[in-house]
């Protein structure tokens, strides 16, 4: 079965840099609106863009999108039981976690 051509809003992966307009179009395609007037974009969707993912993450940071706040992984899980007092940092499970989503500022037109 032959492969279908790329959609018109997706630039083929080349050795050249992706332009600001191309990244803006990708962010608009991948993001979804929230009720608060913000937009969110899933980290997995960004990574699925392949070679452009680093440029997209850089563009989001420059455009004041912020990573979604993650729950504190160093909080105690409880105080009873064999492992109740352990912390994630003691077990080695805590480290810099990748945010699941990025959130725009309110009323962003992207």
Protein backbone atom coordinates (compact mmCIF):
# COMPACT_ATOMS: atom_id res chain seq x y z
CA UNK A 1 0.00 0.00 0.00
CA UNK A 2 1.53 3.38 -0.98
CA UNK A 3 2.09 5.97 1.69
CA UNK A 4 -0.09 9.06 1.63
CA UNK A 5 1.58 12.46 1.11
CA UNK A 6 2.25 14.71 4.07
CA UNK A 7 -0.52 17.13 5.06
CA UNK A 8 0.03 20.64 3.74
CA UNK A 9 0.68 22.09 7.24
CA UNK A 10 3.55 19.69 7.95
CA UNK A 11 6.93 20.53 6.51
CA UNK A 12 9.06 17.54 5.57
CA UNK A 13 12.01 16.92 7.87
CA UNK A 14 15.06 18.49 6.32
CA UNK A 15 18.34 19.77 7.62
CA UNK A 16 17.03 23.34 7.62
CA UNK A 17 15.55 25.14 10.57
CA UNK A 18 11.80 25.32 10.96
CA UNK A 19 10.48 28.86 10.61
CA UNK A 20 8.50 30.64 13.29
CA UNK A 21 5.36 30.52 11.13
CA UNK A 22 5.70 26.75 10.66
CA UNK A 23 6.12 26.19 14.39
CA UNK A 24 3.16 28.48 15.14
CA UNK A 25 1.03 26.42 12.73
CA UNK A 26 2.12 23.14 14.34
CA UNK A 27 1.40 24.49 17.83
CA UNK A 28 -2.04 25.67 16.69
CA UNK A 29 -2.74 22.23 15.22
CA UNK A 30 -1.53 20.27 18.24
CA UNK A 31 -2.92 22.45 21.04
CA UNK A 32 -6.47 22.55 22.34
CA UNK A 33 -8.42 25.25 24.16
CA UNK A 34 -9.17 25.16 27.87
CA UNK A 35 -12.17 26.79 29.49
CA UNK A 36 -9.99 29.42 31.15
CA UNK A 37 -8.94 31.03 27.86
CA UNK A 38 -5.64 29.16 27.80
CA UNK A 39 -4.45 26.48 25.42
CA UNK A 40 -2.70 23.22 26.27
CA UNK A 41 -0.44 20.97 24.27
CA UNK A 42 0.57 17.45 25.23
CA UNK A 43 4.27 16.68 25.55
CA UNK A 44 3.71 13.40 23.69
CA UNK A 45 2.23 15.30 20.73
CA UNK A 46 5.31 17.52 20.62
CA UNK A 47 7.64 14.51 20.71
CA UNK A 48 5.64 12.88 17.89
CA UNK A 49 6.75 15.75 15.64
CA UNK A 50 10.19 14.14 15.56
CA UNK A 51 13.06 16.37 14.46
CA UNK A 52 11.04 19.54 15.06
CA UNK A 53 10.25 18.76 18.71
CA UNK A 54 13.26 20.65 20.11
CA UNK A 55 12.37 23.74 18.06
CA UNK A 56 8.76 23.50 19.22
CA UNK A 57 9.79 23.27 22.90
CA UNK A 58 12.08 26.28 22.44
CA UNK A 59 9.29 28.22 20.72
CA UNK A 60 6.88 27.41 23.58
CA UNK A 61 9.37 28.70 26.15
CA UNK A 62 9.93 31.90 24.15
CA UNK A 63 6.15 32.38 23.79
CA UNK A 64 5.68 32.14 27.60
CA UNK A 65 3.99 28.74 27.63
CA UNK A 66 4.64 27.06 30.98
CA UNK A 67 5.00 23.39 31.88
CA UNK A 68 2.06 21.96 33.75
CA UNK A 69 2.78 21.71 37.46
CA UNK A 70 3.51 18.15 38.52
CA UNK A 71 2.55 16.69 41.87
CA UNK A 72 5.31 16.75 44.46
CA UNK A 73 7.00 13.35 44.20
CA UNK A 74 8.93 13.88 47.42
CA UNK A 75 5.80 13.88 49.57
CA UNK A 76 5.40 11.04 52.02
CA UNK A 77 3.18 8.24 50.84
CA UNK A 78 1.88 7.48 54.31
CA UNK A 79 3.07 6.70 57.76
CA UNK A 80 2.15 3.07 58.23
CA UNK A 81 3.26 -0.21 56.79
CA UNK A 82 6.64 -1.54 55.84
CA UNK A 83 7.41 1.17 53.29
CA UNK A 84 5.08 3.88 54.57
CA UNK A 85 7.79 6.32 55.64
CA UNK A 86 9.89 6.02 52.50
CA UNK A 87 10.15 8.98 50.20
CA UNK A 88 10.48 8.79 46.45
CA UNK A 89 13.88 10.50 46.66
CA UNK A 90 15.16 7.74 48.93
CA UNK A 91 14.02 5.09 46.47
CA UNK A 92 15.67 6.88 43.59
CA UNK A 93 12.37 7.45 41.80
CA UNK A 94 12.42 11.21 42.07
CA UNK A 95 14.27 13.20 39.53
CA UNK A 96 13.53 15.93 37.07
CA UNK A 97 10.27 14.78 35.54
CA UNK A 98 9.11 15.76 32.08
CA UNK A 99 5.87 17.72 32.22
CA UNK A 100 2.88 16.03 30.57
CA UNK A 101 1.51 19.28 29.15
CA UNK A 102 2.43 22.86 28.38
CA UNK A 103 -0.05 25.67 29.01
CA UNK A 104 -0.25 29.05 27.27
CA UNK A 105 -1.00 32.34 28.90
CA UNK A 106 -4.69 33.37 28.81
CA UNK A 107 -6.00 34.76 25.51
CA UNK A 108 -3.11 33.47 23.40
CA UNK A 109 -4.09 33.49 19.73
CA UNK A 110 -1.88 30.56 18.70
